[in-house]
Amino acid sequence: MESTQIDIKSQLLADCQEFVAVTDKLSEDQFKRQVDGKWSVAEVMQHLYLSARPVARLMAGPREVFSQWGQAEMPSRSYETIAAIYQKALTLRRQAPPSMSPRPEDMQVEKPVIIDRFSGIYQALTEATNGWSDDDLDLLLIPHPLLGYLTVREMLYFTSTHTQHHLRLLPKL
């Protein structure tokens, strides 16, 4: 395993742990309460789960599926660059696509179930990076609904910066 993979994995696990630490302090009601018509913390966790799940599944599956999106023609951009591109894209105020938005039926479970679902997908995503070379992380592409085609490495960076974005938006209790 190469050092860049360890950095990505460590960052994703740290993001997950930080989010769970925040939610651990919340009562069930605080966890599920919407404020000013915005998603509850539970709904945000479900959104992050739904966003990370297809990436984890793609990375754990056969590499041939990536051929439908072609290959990168330039090196992967840095974490900071992906974060800046995402921040700029947020100014468009687009909503998450329905496939990445929490459904009412997904939210009719207790807090521990939502937290386990969220933690589980981040664990699966980090495990899915095993066996990926730096070359493959930088060569293969995944489509992103807002940012266009990203290399697999860039998509991992996006997953981290996306989690950090939502952490910053959580109410401070």
Protein backbone atom coordinates (compact mmCIF):
# COMPACT_ATOMS: atom_id res chain seq x y z
CA MET A 1 0.00 0.00 0.00
CA GLU A 2 1.35 3.37 -0.95
CA SER A 3 1.50 6.42 1.29
CA THR A 4 -1.10 8.45 -0.60
CA GLN A 5 -3.67 5.70 -0.05
CA ILE A 6 -2.92 5.69 3.67
CA ASP A 7 -3.45 9.46 3.78
CA ILE A 8 -6.79 9.17 1.98
CA LYS A 9 -7.93 6.32 4.18
CA SER A 10 -6.85 8.10 7.35
CA GLN A 11 -8.64 11.28 6.32
CA LEU A 12 -11.89 9.47 5.50
CA LEU A 13 -11.83 7.56 8.78
CA ALA A 14 -11.07 10.77 10.70
CA ASP A 15 -13.97 12.53 8.96
CA CYS A 16 -16.29 9.69 9.90
CA GLN A 17 -15.12 9.62 13.51
CA GLU A 18 -15.48 13.40 13.82
CA PHE A 19 -19.04 13.28 12.50
CA VAL A 20 -19.98 10.42 14.82
CA ALA A 21 -18.42 12.25 17.79
CA VAL A 22 -20.67 15.23 17.11
CA THR A 23 -23.77 13.05 16.82
CA ASP A 24 -22.97 11.13 20.00
CA LYS A 25 -23.60 14.34 21.96
CA LEU A 26 -27.12 14.73 20.56
CA SER A 27 -30.33 13.34 21.96
CA GLU A 28 -32.56 11.39 19.58
CA ASP A 29 -34.76 14.48 19.24
CA GLN A 30 -31.83 16.82 18.51
CA PHE A 31 -30.46 14.28 16.03
CA LYS A 32 -33.71 14.10 14.06
CA ARG A 33 -34.99 17.69 14.42
CA GLN A 34 -35.02 19.91 11.36
CA VAL A 35 -34.15 23.55 11.96
CA ASP A 36 -35.41 26.29 9.63
CA GLY A 37 -36.56 23.73 7.07
CA LYS A 38 -33.05 22.33 6.66
CA TRP A 39 -32.08 18.69 6.93
CA SER A 40 -31.69 17.27 10.40
CA VAL A 41 -28.33 15.86 11.48
CA ALA A 42 -29.80 12.40 10.85
CA GLU A 43 -30.78 13.39 7.31
CA VAL A 44 -27.34 14.85 6.66
CA MET A 45 -25.76 11.57 7.79
CA GLN A 46 -28.07 9.67 5.46
CA HIS A 47 -27.15 12.03 2.61
CA LEU A 48 -23.44 11.43 3.23
CA TYR A 49 -24.08 7.69 3.37
CA LEU A 50 -25.97 7.83 0.06
CA SER A 51 -23.17 9.89 -1.50
CA ALA A 52 -20.37 7.55 -0.40
CA ARG A 53 -22.17 4.27 -1.12
CA PRO A 54 -21.86 4.28 -4.94
CA VAL A 55 -18.17 5.16 -4.71
CA ALA A 56 -17.53 2.30 -2.28
CA ARG A 57 -19.47 -0.11 -4.49
CA LEU A 58 -17.66 0.97 -7.63
CA MET A 59 -14.26 0.70 -6.01
CA ALA A 60 -15.02 -2.73 -4.56
CA GLY A 61 -16.33 -4.07 -7.86
CA PRO A 62 -14.69 -5.00 -11.14
CA ARG A 63 -12.47 -2.32 -12.64
CA GLU A 64 -13.90 -2.96 -16.11
CA VAL A 65 -16.98 -0.91 -15.19
CA PHE A 66 -14.82 2.23 -15.19
CA SER A 67 -14.13 1.86 -18.91
CA GLN A 68 -17.51 3.43 -19.68
CA TRP A 69 -16.22 6.79 -18.41
CA GLY A 70 -12.85 6.80 -20.11
CA GLN A 71 -9.53 7.65 -18.55
CA ALA A 72 -8.07 10.82 -17.10
CA GLU A 73 -6.01 12.91 -19.46
CA MET A 74 -4.43 15.01 -16.70
CA PRO A 75 -3.00 14.19 -13.26
CA SER A 76 -5.36 14.15 -10.29
CA ARG A 77 -5.88 17.52 -8.68
CA SER A 78 -4.98 18.05 -5.03
CA TYR A 79 -7.34 17.80 -2.09
CA GLU A 80 -7.24 21.57 -1.74
CA THR A 81 -8.12 22.09 -5.40
CA ILE A 82 -11.08 19.70 -5.21
CA ALA A 83 -12.24 21.44 -2.02
CA ALA A 84 -12.04 24.84 -3.74
CA ILE A 85 -13.91 23.57 -6.82
CA TYR A 86 -16.63 22.15 -4.57
CA GLN A 87 -16.91 25.38 -2.58
CA LYS A 88 -17.30 27.33 -5.82
CA ALA A 89 -19.91 24.86 -7.08
CA LEU A 90 -21.88 25.33 -3.86
CA THR A 91 -22.49 28.95 -4.84
CA LEU A 92 -24.81 27.59 -7.56
CA ARG A 93 -27.08 26.47 -4.70
CA ARG A 94 -28.02 23.24 -6.40
CA GLN A 95 -29.76 20.65 -4.31
CA ALA A 96 -28.59 17.09 -3.94
CA PRO A 97 -30.08 14.78 -6.57
CA PRO A 98 -32.98 12.62 -5.34
CA SER A 99 -30.75 9.53 -5.30
CA MET A 100 -28.50 11.29 -2.78
CA SER A 101 -31.33 12.75 -0.67
CA PRO A 102 -32.72 11.03 2.42
CA ARG A 103 -36.12 9.43 1.95
CA PRO A 104 -38.66 9.51 4.80
CA GLU A 105 -38.67 5.71 5.03
CA ASP A 106 -34.87 5.68 5.52
CA MET A 107 -35.26 7.98 8.51
CA GLN A 108 -37.81 5.87 10.41
CA VAL A 109 -35.11 4.09 12.37
CA GLU A 110 -33.36 4.88 15.62
CA LYS A 111 -30.22 7.00 15.85
CA PRO A 112 -27.81 4.04 16.30
CA VAL A 113 -29.00 2.48 13.03
CA ILE A 114 -28.29 5.68 11.08
CA ILE A 115 -24.89 6.08 12.73
CA ASP A 116 -23.99 2.43 12.03
CA ARG A 117 -25.10 2.80 8.39
CA PHE A 118 -22.95 5.93 8.01
CA SER A 119 -19.91 4.45 9.78
CA GLY A 120 -20.23 1.22 7.85
CA ILE A 121 -20.10 2.86 4.44
CA TYR A 122 -17.05 4.94 5.37
CA GLN A 123 -15.35 1.77 6.61
CA ALA A 124 -16.32 -0.02 3.38
CA LEU A 125 -15.00 2.90 1.34
CA THR A 126 -11.64 2.87 3.08
CA GLU A 127 -11.41 -0.92 2.72
CA ALA A 128 -12.28 -0.61 -0.98
CA THR A 129 -9.10 1.42 -1.51
CA ASN A 130 -7.05 -1.69 -0.73
CA GLY A 131 -5.50 -3.04 -3.88
CA TRP A 132 -5.77 0.25 -5.77
CA SER A 133 -2.49 1.49 -7.15
CA ASP A 134 -1.69 5.17 -7.38
CA ASP A 135 -1.81 4.79 -11.15
CA ASP A 136 -5.37 3.45 -11.07
CA LEU A 137 -6.51 6.09 -8.54
CA ASP A 138 -5.22 8.77 -10.92
CA LEU A 139 -6.30 7.19 -14.20
CA LEU A 140 -9.83 5.90 -13.76
CA LEU A 141 -12.81 8.26 -13.74
CA ILE A 142 -16.12 8.44 -11.88
CA PRO A 143 -18.91 10.85 -12.85
CA HIS A 144 -20.00 13.33 -10.17
CA PRO A 145 -23.44 14.97 -10.55
CA LEU A 146 -22.16 18.48 -9.80
CA LEU A 147 -18.43 18.43 -10.52
CA GLY A 148 -18.33 16.28 -13.66
CA TYR A 149 -15.78 13.52 -14.12
CA LEU A 150 -13.33 13.04 -11.27
CA THR A 151 -10.49 10.59 -10.95
CA VAL A 152 -11.06 8.00 -8.26
CA ARG A 153 -8.53 9.84 -6.08
CA GLU A 154 -10.39 13.13 -6.63
CA MET A 155 -13.69 11.42 -5.74
CA LEU A 156 -12.15 10.25 -2.47
CA TYR A 157 -10.95 13.80 -1.85
CA PHE A 158 -14.45 15.05 -2.65
CA THR A 159 -15.99 12.57 -0.19
CA SER A 160 -13.76 13.97 2.54
CA THR A 161 -14.33 17.64 1.71
CA HIS A 162 -18.08 16.97 1.36
CA THR A 163 -18.14 15.45 4.86
CA GLN A 164 -16.16 18.40 6.22
CA HIS A 165 -18.57 20.84 4.54
CA HIS A 166 -21.54 19.24 6.30
CA LEU A 167 -19.67 19.10 9.61
CA ARG A 168 -19.15 22.87 9.42
CA LEU A 169 -22.88 23.36 8.87
CA LEU A 170 -24.00 21.31 11.87
CA PRO A 171 -25.51 23.31 14.70
CA LYS A 172 -23.04 24.01 17.48
CA LEU A 173 -24.43 22.58 20.70
